Protein backbone atom coordinates (compact mmCIF):
# COMPACT_ATOMS: atom_id res chain seq x y z
CA UNK A 1 23.25 -1.15 -18.10
CA UNK A 2 22.67 2.57 -18.52
CA UNK A 3 23.84 5.35 -16.23
CA UNK A 4 20.38 5.21 -14.59
CA UNK A 5 21.23 1.71 -13.40
CA UNK A 6 24.42 3.05 -11.85
CA UNK A 7 22.35 5.78 -10.16
CA UNK A 8 20.04 3.10 -8.76
CA UNK A 9 22.94 1.16 -7.24
CA UNK A 10 24.35 4.39 -5.83
CA UNK A 11 20.94 5.31 -4.36
CA UNK A 12 20.73 1.99 -2.53
CA UNK A 13 24.06 2.78 -0.88
CA UNK A 14 23.28 6.44 -0.19
CA UNK A 15 19.93 5.64 1.45
CA UNK A 16 21.40 2.64 3.37
CA UNK A 17 18.83 0.23 1.92
CA UNK A 18 21.03 -2.86 1.91
CA UNK A 19 19.40 -5.82 3.72
CA UNK A 20 16.37 -3.71 4.66
CA UNK A 21 12.67 -4.47 4.40
CA UNK A 22 11.35 -2.09 1.73
CA UNK A 23 7.71 -1.16 1.25
CA UNK A 24 8.05 0.16 -2.28
CA UNK A 25 5.68 2.45 -4.16
CA UNK A 26 7.16 3.18 -7.55
CA UNK A 27 6.75 4.91 -10.88
CA UNK A 28 9.22 3.23 -13.21
CA UNK A 29 8.80 6.11 -15.67
CA UNK A 30 10.41 8.43 -13.12
CA UNK A 31 13.69 6.62 -13.65
CA UNK A 32 13.90 7.46 -17.34
CA UNK A 33 15.64 4.75 -19.36
CA UNK A 34 16.55 1.74 -17.22
CA UNK A 35 17.84 -1.30 -19.06
CA UNK A 36 15.81 -4.31 -18.02
CA UNK A 37 12.96 -2.16 -16.70
CA UNK A 38 11.02 -2.97 -13.56
CA UNK A 39 12.31 -6.52 -13.12
CA UNK A 40 15.91 -5.23 -13.24
CA UNK A 41 15.07 -2.87 -10.37
CA UNK A 42 13.47 -5.71 -8.37
CA UNK A 43 16.52 -7.90 -8.88
CA UNK A 44 18.88 -5.06 -7.91
CA UNK A 45 17.09 -4.73 -4.57
CA UNK A 46 17.22 -8.50 -4.07
CA UNK A 47 20.94 -8.54 -4.89
CA UNK A 48 21.36 -5.95 -2.11
CA UNK A 49 19.74 -8.36 0.38
CA UNK A 50 16.46 -6.45 0.54
CA UNK A 51 12.97 -7.78 1.11
CA UNK A 52 10.54 -6.00 -1.24
CA UNK A 53 6.84 -5.64 -0.43
CA UNK A 54 4.32 -4.01 -2.80
CA UNK A 55 0.55 -3.48 -3.00
CA UNK A 56 -1.10 -5.96 -5.38
CA UNK A 57 -4.70 -4.79 -5.27
CA UNK A 58 -7.73 -6.07 -7.18
CA UNK A 59 -11.05 -4.25 -7.42
CA UNK A 60 -12.89 -6.52 -9.83
CA UNK A 61 -13.39 -8.95 -6.93
CA UNK A 62 -15.90 -6.64 -5.22
CA UNK A 63 -19.42 -7.99 -4.74
CA UNK A 64 -22.67 -7.00 -3.04
CA UNK A 65 -22.99 -7.09 0.77
CA UNK A 66 -25.29 -9.69 2.28
CA UNK A 67 -28.92 -8.69 2.70
CA UNK A 68 -29.65 -6.92 5.95
CA UNK A 69 -26.13 -5.63 6.52
CA UNK A 70 -26.41 -2.00 7.61
CA UNK A 71 -23.08 -0.39 8.42
CA UNK A 72 -23.02 3.37 8.87
CA UNK A 73 -20.14 5.70 7.94
CA UNK A 74 -18.84 3.02 5.59
CA UNK A 75 -17.58 5.34 2.86
CA UNK A 76 -20.47 4.65 0.53
CA UNK A 77 -23.71 6.32 -0.56
CA UNK A 78 -26.71 4.89 -2.38
CA UNK A 79 -27.06 1.42 -3.86
CA UNK A 80 -24.17 -0.98 -4.36
CA UNK A 81 -23.63 -1.86 -8.03
CA UNK A 82 -20.97 -4.00 -9.66
CA UNK A 83 -21.23 -4.89 -13.34
CA UNK A 84 -18.89 -7.86 -13.17
CA UNK A 85 -17.16 -9.74 -10.37
CA UNK A 86 -14.11 -11.96 -10.75
CA UNK A 87 -13.14 -14.37 -7.93
CA UNK A 88 -9.78 -13.67 -6.33
CA UNK A 89 -7.20 -16.42 -6.68
CA UNK A 90 -4.02 -15.97 -4.65
CA UNK A 91 -2.09 -18.02 -7.20
CA UNK A 92 -3.01 -15.61 -9.98
CA UNK A 93 -0.68 -12.79 -11.00
CA UNK A 94 -3.53 -10.44 -11.88
CA UNK A 95 -3.47 -6.98 -10.30
CA UNK A 96 -5.02 -3.62 -11.10
CA UNK A 97 -3.06 -1.87 -13.87
CA UNK A 98 -2.89 1.24 -11.68
CA UNK A 99 -0.53 -0.63 -9.33
CA UNK A 100 2.19 0.00 -11.90
CA UNK A 101 4.99 -1.91 -13.61
CA UNK A 102 7.14 -2.36 -10.49
CA UNK A 103 4.32 -3.99 -8.49
CA UNK A 104 3.52 -6.18 -11.51
CA UNK A 105 7.17 -7.26 -11.70
CA UNK A 106 7.12 -8.36 -8.04
CA UNK A 107 3.82 -10.20 -8.48
CA UNK A 108 5.21 -12.02 -11.53
CA UNK A 109 8.53 -12.87 -9.87
CA UNK A 110 8.95 -16.68 -9.69
CA UNK A 111 9.68 -16.55 -5.95
CA UNK A 112 6.99 -14.08 -4.95
CA UNK A 113 4.58 -14.64 -2.11
CA UNK A 114 1.11 -13.06 -2.00
CA UNK A 115 -1.49 -12.49 0.69
CA UNK A 116 -5.04 -13.80 0.43
CA UNK A 117 -6.83 -10.48 0.99
CA UNK A 118 -9.10 -10.41 -2.09
CA UNK A 119 -9.11 -6.60 -2.52
CA UNK A 120 -5.97 -5.25 -0.84
CA UNK A 121 -3.54 -8.12 -1.39
CA UNK A 122 0.18 -7.48 -0.97
CA UNK A 123 3.04 -9.35 -2.62
CA UNK A 124 6.69 -9.70 -1.72
CA UNK A 125 10.02 -11.29 -2.49
CA UNK A 126 13.12 -11.61 -0.35
CA UNK A 127 14.23 -13.30 2.87
CA UNK A 128 11.57 -11.85 5.20
CA UNK A 129 8.60 -11.71 2.81
CA UNK A 130 6.85 -14.76 4.24
CA UNK A 131 7.00 -13.64 7.87
CA UNK A 132 5.84 -10.12 7.02
CA UNK A 133 2.99 -11.02 4.69
CA UNK A 134 1.68 -13.62 7.16
CA UNK A 135 0.63 -10.76 9.42
CA UNK A 136 -2.08 -9.55 7.02
CA UNK A 137 -5.59 -10.99 7.33
CA UNK A 138 -9.03 -10.03 6.03
CA UNK A 139 -9.61 -7.99 9.18
CA UNK A 140 -6.01 -6.87 9.85
CA UNK A 141 -5.44 -5.48 6.38
CA UNK A 142 -2.44 -3.46 7.63
CA UNK A 143 -1.06 -6.12 9.95
CA UNK A 144 2.09 -6.42 7.82
CA UNK A 145 3.16 -2.93 8.89
CA UNK A 146 3.50 -4.13 12.48
CA UNK A 147 5.69 -6.63 14.30
CA UNK A 148 9.35 -7.32 14.88
CA UNK A 149 10.16 -8.15 11.24
CA UNK A 150 9.47 -4.55 10.18
CA UNK A 151 11.09 -2.76 13.11
CA UNK A 152 13.69 -1.07 10.88
CA UNK A 153 11.66 -1.16 7.66
CA UNK A 154 11.77 1.57 5.03
CA UNK A 155 8.92 3.01 3.01
CA UNK A 156 10.46 3.85 -0.36
CA UNK A 157 8.70 6.31 -2.64
CA UNK A 158 10.09 6.20 -6.19
CA UNK A 159 8.70 9.07 -8.21
CA UNK A 160 5.30 9.08 -6.50
CA UNK A 161 3.52 11.35 -4.00
CA UNK A 162 2.21 10.56 -0.49
CA UNK A 163 -1.23 9.72 -1.88
CA UNK A 164 0.33 6.49 -3.21
CA UNK A 165 1.70 5.41 0.19
CA UNK A 166 -0.56 2.78 1.75
CA UNK A 167 1.12 2.86 5.21
CA UNK A 168 -0.71 6.15 5.80
CA UNK A 169 -3.92 4.13 5.99
CA UNK A 170 -2.33 2.25 8.87
CA UNK A 171 -1.64 5.62 10.54
CA UNK A 172 -5.33 6.48 10.16
CA UNK A 173 -6.18 3.27 12.02
CA UNK A 174 -3.62 4.04 14.73
CA UNK A 175 -5.23 7.46 15.10
CA UNK A 176 -8.46 5.71 16.12
CA UNK A 177 -10.29 5.57 12.81
CA UNK A 178 -12.33 2.42 12.12
CA UNK A 179 -11.72 0.84 8.75
CA UNK A 180 -14.43 0.43 6.13
CA UNK A 181 -15.92 -2.95 5.20
CA UNK A 182 -16.33 -4.40 1.74
CA UNK A 183 -17.30 -7.77 0.33
CA UNK A 184 -15.39 -9.76 -2.25
CA UNK A 185 -15.62 -13.05 -4.12
CA UNK A 186 -12.78 -15.53 -3.74
CA UNK A 187 -11.97 -18.72 -5.62
CA UNK A 188 -11.29 -20.75 -2.46
CA UNK A 189 -13.49 -19.20 0.25
CA UNK A 190 -16.56 -17.89 -1.55
CA UNK A 191 -17.81 -14.44 -0.56
CA UNK A 192 -15.94 -12.82 2.33
CA UNK A 193 -16.17 -9.60 4.32
CA UNK A 194 -12.90 -7.67 4.61
CA UNK A 195 -11.55 -4.41 5.97
CA UNK A 196 -10.16 -1.77 3.63
CA UNK A 197 -8.73 1.74 3.90
CA UNK A 198 -10.20 5.05 2.88
CA UNK A 199 -9.62 7.62 0.14
CA UNK A 200 -5.95 8.60 -0.26
CA UNK A 201 -6.37 11.60 -2.57
CA UNK A 202 -5.79 14.03 0.31
CA UNK A 203 -2.65 12.37 1.67
CA UNK A 204 -0.37 14.92 0.00
CA UNK A 205 -1.51 17.32 2.71
CA UNK A 206 0.48 15.21 5.19
CA UNK A 207 3.77 15.92 3.43
CA UNK A 208 4.99 18.48 5.97
CA UNK A 209 4.26 16.08 8.83
CA UNK A 210 6.18 13.35 7.02
CA UNK A 211 9.35 15.36 6.45
CA UNK A 212 11.12 14.46 9.74
CA UNK A 213 11.11 10.81 8.58
CA UNK A 214 12.21 11.58 5.01
CA UNK A 215 15.49 11.46 3.09
CA UNK A 216 15.20 12.52 -0.56
CA UNK A 217 17.62 12.14 -3.46
CA UNK A 218 17.26 12.45 -7.24
CA UNK A 219 17.52 9.26 -9.30
CA UNK A 220 16.98 9.36 -13.04
CA UNK A 221 14.19 11.80 -13.86
CA UNK A 222 12.57 11.83 -10.43
CA UNK A 223 13.07 11.59 -6.69
CA UNK A 224 13.48 8.68 -4.34
CA UNK A 225 12.21 9.42 -0.84
CA UNK A 226 13.08 7.02 1.95
CA UNK A 227 11.01 7.07 5.15
CA UNK A 228 11.51 5.13 8.35
CA UNK A 229 8.25 3.16 8.59
CA UNK A 230 8.13 3.60 12.35
CA UNK A 231 8.65 7.37 12.20
CA UNK A 232 6.29 7.79 9.25
CA UNK A 233 3.49 6.07 11.15
CA UNK A 234 4.15 8.07 14.30
CA UNK A 235 4.25 11.43 12.51
CA UNK A 236 1.17 10.80 10.38
CA UNK A 237 -0.80 9.40 13.31
CA UNK A 238 -0.02 12.50 15.34
CA UNK A 239 -0.97 14.84 12.50
CA UNK A 240 -4.29 13.06 11.93
CA UNK A 241 -5.19 13.20 15.63
CA UNK A 242 -4.36 16.91 15.78
CA UNK A 243 -6.21 17.78 12.56
CA UNK A 244 -8.59 15.04 11.35
CA UNK A 245 -9.53 16.93 8.18
CA UNK A 246 -5.89 16.93 7.00
CA UNK A 247 -6.58 13.75 4.99
CA UNK A 248 -9.76 15.03 3.34
CA UNK A 249 -9.51 15.46 -0.43
CA UNK A 250 -12.76 17.50 -0.74
CA UNK A 251 -15.98 18.01 1.19
CA UNK A 252 -18.03 15.94 -1.28
CA UNK A 253 -16.00 12.72 -1.01
CA UNK A 254 -18.08 10.18 0.99
CA UNK A 255 -15.05 8.14 1.98
CA UNK A 256 -13.27 11.20 3.34
CA UNK A 257 -16.43 12.46 5.05
CA UNK A 258 -16.91 9.18 6.89
CA UNK A 259 -13.27 8.58 7.80
CA UNK A 260 -12.78 12.12 9.13
CA UNK A 261 -15.84 11.42 11.32
CA UNK A 262 -14.15 8.34 12.78
CA UNK A 263 -14.96 5.65 10.24
CA UNK A 264 -17.24 2.65 10.38
CA UNK A 265 -20.22 2.35 12.73
CA UNK A 266 -21.83 -1.06 13.07
CA UNK A 267 -25.47 -0.98 14.16
CA UNK A 268 -26.26 -3.86 16.49
């Protein structure tokens, strides 16, 4: 292995990641040259006793809402339009390319588990993956960030910014925001209604609030930032309550507009 591999092993020790639950958001390119690539990094975490959880999203599963459904502040304007819809199959290894090489490596791991949420699925490997992923449902899309199995969990940012960190959506929910609804086609359950998060393009503005939970070191060509999941959620929740517009990317974004206003309204 290259020196970058040695840096990776050193980083695991320095950040005390051994045997931890890791919610990983990674840019493999930030490591420079790493022999074995993304799968080598996955296996290094597993060798250290870690449980690794990653987002494994699909957007080509989206479909039209049922007729007569009229949700307000749902992060959408105008008519719904989807050119092509593919049914979600939990046994498939397909994910959005934007999820990155590390997420793809976890999804393709022979021992991976994957949740059945057809848009915001998560995948994991390691000793606690099953218990953690079981907490996510169509409605409780961020359920896997809660519970005893993740009490000492770490959110690990590898060469990415806060706008890539999905736990911040959970903080929005804890701050009292109501999640948006979307509809998706599944291979086993037909069309289903699910909860999803909002726009994340403004999450970099939470960086100062996140610092008390952060430990940063340089690995390869970029930085690894380790956050206590519990502290990250607490700090971001507090910041959002104190300044709701802190997550807004721009005034014209409908998802940000609606979430800053409190999120979904269901007309009875």
